[in-house]
C-alpha atoms as a PDB file:
ATOM      1  CA  UNK A   1     -20.523  12.110 -31.381  1.00  0.00           C
ATOM      2  CA  UNK A   2     -21.825  11.054 -27.993  1.00  0.00           C
ATOM      3  CA  UNK A   3     -25.244  12.289 -26.946  1.00  0.00           C
ATOM      4  CA  UNK A   4     -25.694  13.700 -23.456  1.00  0.00           C
ATOM      5  CA  UNK A   5     -27.352  10.463 -22.295  1.00  0.00           C
ATOM      6  CA  UNK A   6     -24.524   8.350 -23.728  1.00  0.00           C
ATOM      7  CA  UNK A   7     -21.997  10.651 -22.073  1.00  0.00           C
ATOM      8  CA  UNK A   8     -23.759  10.273 -18.721  1.00  0.00           C
ATOM      9  CA  UNK A   9     -23.717   6.502 -19.142  1.00  0.00           C
ATOM     10  CA  UNK A  10     -20.015   6.631 -20.049  1.00  0.00           C
ATOM     11  CA  UNK A  11     -19.295   8.540 -16.807  1.00  0.00           C
ATOM     12  CA  UNK A  12     -20.777   5.765 -14.651  1.00  0.00           C
ATOM     13  CA  UNK A  13     -17.890   3.270 -15.002  1.00  0.00           C
ATOM     14  CA  UNK A  14     -15.133   5.778 -14.171  1.00  0.00           C
ATOM     15  CA  UNK A  15     -17.174   7.117 -11.239  1.00  0.00           C
ATOM     16  CA  UNK A  16     -17.484   3.598  -9.800  1.00  0.00           C
ATOM     17  CA  UNK A  17     -13.720   3.114 -10.187  1.00  0.00           C
ATOM     18  CA  UNK A  18     -13.061   6.397  -8.360  1.00  0.00           C
ATOM     19  CA  UNK A  19     -15.286   5.324  -5.474  1.00  0.00           C
ATOM     20  CA  UNK A  20     -13.696   1.870  -5.264  1.00  0.00           C
ATOM     21  CA  UNK A  21     -10.209   3.369  -5.465  1.00  0.00           C
ATOM     22  CA  UNK A  22     -11.051   5.744  -2.607  1.00  0.00           C
ATOM     23  CA  UNK A  23     -11.998   2.829  -0.364  1.00  0.00           C
ATOM     24  CA  UNK A  24      -8.881   0.952  -1.393  1.00  0.00           C
ATOM     25  CA  UNK A  25      -6.658   3.984  -0.682  1.00  0.00           C
ATOM     26  CA  UNK A  26      -8.274   4.258   2.754  1.00  0.00           C
ATOM     27  CA  UNK A  27      -7.434   0.607   3.430  1.00  0.00           C
ATOM     28  CA  UNK A  28      -3.871   1.044   2.185  1.00  0.00           C
ATOM     29  CA  UNK A  29      -3.401   4.142   4.327  1.00  0.00           C
ATOM     30  CA  UNK A  30      -4.611   2.297   7.422  1.00  0.00           C
ATOM     31  CA  UNK A  31      -2.128  -0.534   6.816  1.00  0.00           C
ATOM     32  CA  UNK A  32       0.693   1.916   6.172  1.00  0.00           C
ATOM     33  CA  UNK A  33       0.014   3.898   9.353  1.00  0.00           C
ATOM     34  CA  UNK A  34      -0.009   0.652  11.364  1.00  0.00           C
ATOM     35  CA  UNK A  35       3.372  -0.270   9.893  1.00  0.00           C
ATOM     36  CA  UNK A  36       4.799   3.170  10.627  1.00  0.00           C
ATOM     37  CA  UNK A  37       3.672   2.854  14.246  1.00  0.00           C
ATOM     38  CA  UNK A  38       5.266  -0.603  14.529  1.00  0.00           C
ATOM     39  CA  UNK A  39       8.492   0.692  12.974  1.00  0.00           C
ATOM     40  CA  UNK A  40       8.689   3.471  15.543  1.00  0.00           C
ATOM     41  CA  UNK A  41       8.214   1.012  18.387  1.00  0.00           C
ATOM     42  CA  UNK A  42      10.784  -1.450  17.024  1.00  0.00           C
ATOM     43  CA  UNK A  43      13.318   1.305  16.364  1.00  0.00           C
ATOM     44  CA  UNK A  44      12.901   2.596  19.918  1.00  0.00           C
ATOM     45  CA  UNK A  45      13.211  -0.930  21.348  1.00  0.00           C
ATOM     46  CA  UNK A  46      16.313  -1.530  19.221  1.00  0.00           C
ATOM     47  CA  UNK A  47      17.855   1.713  20.429  1.00  0.00           C
ATOM     48  CA  UNK A  48      17.165   0.814  24.052  1.00  0.00           C
ATOM     49  CA  UNK A  49      18.506  -2.721  23.553  1.00  0.00           C
ATOM     50  CA  UNK A  50      21.694  -1.443  21.919  1.00  0.00           C
ATOM     51  CA  UNK A  51      22.109   1.134  24.660  1.00  0.00           C
ATOM     52  CA  UNK A  52      21.716  -1.606  27.293  1.00  0.00           C
ATOM     53  CA  UNK A  53      24.341  -3.755  25.538  1.00  0.00           C
ATOM     54  CA  UNK A  54      21.850  -6.407  24.377  1.00  0.00           C
ATOM     55  CA  UNK A  55      23.371  -6.933  20.940  1.00  0.00           C
ATOM     56  CA  UNK A  56      21.472 -10.121  20.063  1.00  0.00           C
ATOM     57  CA  UNK A  57      18.191  -8.461  20.920  1.00  0.00           C
ATOM     58  CA  UNK A  58      19.120  -5.423  18.807  1.00  0.00           C
ATOM     59  CA  UNK A  59      19.991  -7.708  15.860  1.00  0.00           C
ATOM     60  CA  UNK A  60      16.681  -9.569  16.247  1.00  0.00           C
ATOM     61  CA  UNK A  61      14.797  -6.266  16.330  1.00  0.00           C
ATOM     62  CA  UNK A  62      16.653  -5.100  13.219  1.00  0.00           C
ATOM     63  CA  UNK A  63      15.379  -8.144  11.320  1.00  0.00           C
ATOM     64  CA  UNK A  64      11.834  -7.137  12.265  1.00  0.00           C
ATOM     65  CA  UNK A  65      12.517  -3.563  11.168  1.00  0.00           C
ATOM     66  CA  UNK A  66      13.805  -4.840   7.804  1.00  0.00           C
ATOM     67  CA  UNK A  67      10.729  -7.026   7.366  1.00  0.00           C
ATOM     68  CA  UNK A  68       8.323  -4.189   8.112  1.00  0.00           C
ATOM     69  CA  UNK A  69      10.236  -1.820   5.822  1.00  0.00           C
ATOM     70  CA  UNK A  70       9.902  -4.361   2.994  1.00  0.00           C
ATOM     71  CA  UNK A  71       6.157  -4.583   3.597  1.00  0.00           C
ATOM     72  CA  UNK A  72       5.852  -0.791   3.815  1.00  0.00           C
ATOM     73  CA  UNK A  73       7.628  -0.498   0.455  1.00  0.00           C
ATOM     74  CA  UNK A  74       5.040  -2.783  -1.134  1.00  0.00           C
ATOM     75  CA  UNK A  75       2.224  -0.773   0.415  1.00  0.00           C
ATOM     76  CA  UNK A  76       3.829   2.458  -0.822  1.00  0.00           C
ATOM     77  CA  UNK A  77       3.886   1.040  -4.370  1.00  0.00           C
ATOM     78  CA  UNK A  78       0.245  -0.065  -4.046  1.00  0.00           C
ATOM     79  CA  UNK A  79      -0.649   3.428  -2.834  1.00  0.00           C
ATOM     80  CA  UNK A  80       1.208   5.072  -5.748  1.00  0.00           C
ATOM     81  CA  UNK A  81      -0.290   2.904  -8.484  1.00  0.00           C
ATOM     82  CA  UNK A  82      -3.806   3.195  -7.074  1.00  0.00           C
ATOM     83  CA  UNK A  83      -3.538   6.981  -6.936  1.00  0.00           C
ATOM     84  CA  UNK A  84      -2.057   7.023 -10.442  1.00  0.00           C
ATOM     85  CA  UNK A  85      -4.985   4.922 -11.662  1.00  0.00           C
ATOM     86  CA  UNK A  86      -7.443   7.215  -9.905  1.00  0.00           C
ATOM     87  CA  UNK A  87      -5.942  10.294 -11.549  1.00  0.00           C
ATOM     88  CA  UNK A  88      -6.195   8.523 -14.908  1.00  0.00           C
ATOM     89  CA  UNK A  89      -9.853   7.693 -14.322  1.00  0.00           C
ATOM     90  CA  UNK A  90     -10.576  11.317 -13.395  1.00  0.00           C
ATOM     91  CA  UNK A  91      -8.822  12.480 -16.546  1.00  0.00           C
ATOM     92  CA  UNK A  92     -10.902   9.943 -18.486  1.00  0.00           C
ATOM     93  CA  UNK A  93     -14.039  11.651 -17.201  1.00  0.00           C
ATOM     94  CA  UNK A  94     -12.726  15.016 -18.370  1.00  0.00           C
ATOM     95  CA  UNK A  95     -11.853  13.629 -21.776  1.00  0.00           C
ATOM     96  CA  UNK A  96     -15.290  12.046 -22.095  1.00  0.00           C
ATOM     97  CA  UNK A  97     -16.788  15.481 -21.503  1.00  0.00           C
ATOM     98  CA  UNK A  98     -14.522  16.996 -24.139  1.00  0.00           C
ATOM     99  CA  UNK A  99     -15.552  14.288 -26.579  1.00  0.00           C
ATOM    100  CA  UNK A 100     -18.920  16.073 -26.903  1.00  0.00           C
ATOM    101  CA  UNK A 101     -17.036  18.720 -28.850  1.00  0.00           C
ATOM    102  CA  UNK A 102     -14.164  16.746 -30.373  1.00  0.00           C
ATOM    103  CA  UNK A 103     -14.855  13.113 -31.337  1.00  0.00           C
ATOM    104  CA  UNK A 104     -11.148  12.128 -31.574  1.00  0.00           C
ATOM    105  CA  UNK A 105     -10.724  12.731 -27.837  1.00  0.00           C
ATOM    106  CA  UNK A 106     -12.886   9.661 -27.212  1.00  0.00           C
ATOM    107  CA  UNK A 107     -10.084   7.352 -28.414  1.00  0.00           C
ATOM    108  CA  UNK A 108      -7.639   8.975 -25.988  1.00  0.00           C
ATOM    109  CA  UNK A 109     -10.204   8.606 -23.184  1.00  0.00           C
ATOM    110  CA  UNK A 110     -10.582   4.877 -23.846  1.00  0.00           C
ATOM    111  CA  UNK A 111      -6.812   4.321 -23.947  1.00  0.00           C
ATOM    112  CA  UNK A 112      -6.327   6.329 -20.751  1.00  0.00           C
ATOM    113  CA  UNK A 113      -9.107   4.388 -19.019  1.00  0.00           C
ATOM    114  CA  UNK A 114      -7.498   1.049 -19.926  1.00  0.00           C
ATOM    115  CA  UNK A 115      -4.091   2.266 -18.675  1.00  0.00           C
ATOM    116  CA  UNK A 116      -5.707   3.493 -15.464  1.00  0.00           C
ATOM    117  CA  UNK A 117      -7.336   0.131 -14.821  1.00  0.00           C
ATOM    118  CA  UNK A 118      -3.992  -1.576 -15.480  1.00  0.00           C
ATOM    119  CA  UNK A 119      -2.374   0.750 -12.927  1.00  0.00           C
ATOM    120  CA  UNK A 120      -5.025  -0.228 -10.400  1.00  0.00           C
ATOM    121  CA  UNK A 121      -4.348  -3.901 -11.124  1.00  0.00           C
ATOM    122  CA  UNK A 122      -0.641  -3.348 -10.460  1.00  0.00           C
ATOM    123  CA  UNK A 123      -1.633  -1.725  -7.155  1.00  0.00           C
ATOM    124  CA  UNK A 124      -3.670  -4.803  -6.271  1.00  0.00           C
ATOM    125  CA  UNK A 125      -0.698  -7.071  -7.030  1.00  0.00           C
ATOM    126  CA  UNK A 126       1.501  -5.067  -4.642  1.00  0.00           C
ATOM    127  CA  UNK A 127      -1.247  -5.130  -2.008  1.00  0.00           C
ATOM    128  CA  UNK A 128      -1.735  -8.887  -2.347  1.00  0.00           C
ATOM    129  CA  UNK A 129       2.019  -9.501  -2.120  1.00  0.00           C
ATOM    130  CA  UNK A 130       2.141  -7.466   1.103  1.00  0.00           C
ATOM    131  CA  UNK A 131      -0.796  -9.308   2.601  1.00  0.00           C
ATOM    132  CA  UNK A 132       0.828 -12.625   1.662  1.00  0.00           C
ATOM    133  CA  UNK A 133       3.915 -11.832   3.734  1.00  0.00           C
ATOM    134  CA  UNK A 134       2.031 -10.165   6.595  1.00  0.00           C
ATOM    135  CA  UNK A 135       1.400 -13.434   8.453  1.00  0.00           C
ATOM    136  CA  UNK A 136       5.017 -14.457   7.991  1.00  0.00           C
ATOM    137  CA  UNK A 137       6.003 -11.210   9.634  1.00  0.00           C
ATOM    138  CA  UNK A 138       3.738 -11.947  12.603  1.00  0.00           C
ATOM    139  CA  UNK A 139       5.315 -15.400  13.019  1.00  0.00           C
ATOM    140  CA  UNK A 140       8.788 -13.807  12.909  1.00  0.00           C
ATOM    141  CA  UNK A 141       7.676 -11.340  15.557  1.00  0.00           C
ATOM    142  CA  UNK A 142       6.549 -14.210  17.781  1.00  0.00           C
ATOM    143  CA  UNK A 143       9.993 -15.823  17.435  1.00  0.00           C
ATOM    144  CA  UNK A 144      11.555 -12.445  18.235  1.00  0.00           C
ATOM    145  CA  UNK A 145       9.683 -12.166  21.507  1.00  0.00           C
ATOM    146  CA  UNK A 146      10.583 -15.767  22.387  1.00  0.00           C
ATOM    147  CA  UNK A 147      14.236 -14.904  21.754  1.00  0.00           C
ATOM    148  CA  UNK A 148      14.023 -11.726  23.820  1.00  0.00           C
ATOM    149  CA  UNK A 149      12.387 -13.652  26.671  1.00  0.00           C
ATOM    150  CA  UNK A 150      15.120 -16.296  26.584  1.00  0.00           C
ATOM    151  CA  UNK A 151      17.825 -13.604  26.476  1.00  0.00           C
ATOM    152  CA  UNK A 152      16.229 -11.837  29.449  1.00  0.00           C
ATOM    153  CA  UNK A 153      16.317 -15.106  31.403  1.00  0.00           C
ATOM    154  CA  UNK A 154      20.040 -15.501  30.617  1.00  0.00           C
ATOM    155  CA  UNK A 155      20.723 -11.871  31.630  1.00  0.00           C
ATOM    156  CA  UNK A 156      18.808 -12.308  34.909  1.00  0.00           C
ATOM    157  CA  UNK A 157      20.832 -15.407  35.873  1.00  0.00           C
ATOM    158  CA  UNK A 158      24.480 -14.308  36.032  1.00  0.00           C
END
């Protein structure tokens, strides 16, 4: 059986993971909200371009929309797995408390903690893969604006 001091010490690791996960979720949420804002702008620009008969511009904007949606999907997965890991860590804390009364619960707590950390690692992999393509997306956006500028010049010179 765990003593109260050992139980307190056992709570420290999960508590640190919960704090770190909270900061990570905040970062993920900020990235996701930025992507949602960009998607709204691109969708509006695409709608206006299509309405104005600028088909090439609308197609170019759609490629940006697709790129951002791919990135947002990765961020959504990172968000999900980090929250899943956080819930697991919280449940680990509860199980550690129960282990004062039932020793067998300690084994379940350890297994759940390991699974929770693995879930957080999966979240980090999704986050890293999104960050890796983020700069590519910015370069594509630059090409998009160059294309739009060149199309505007062609439209202005009948």
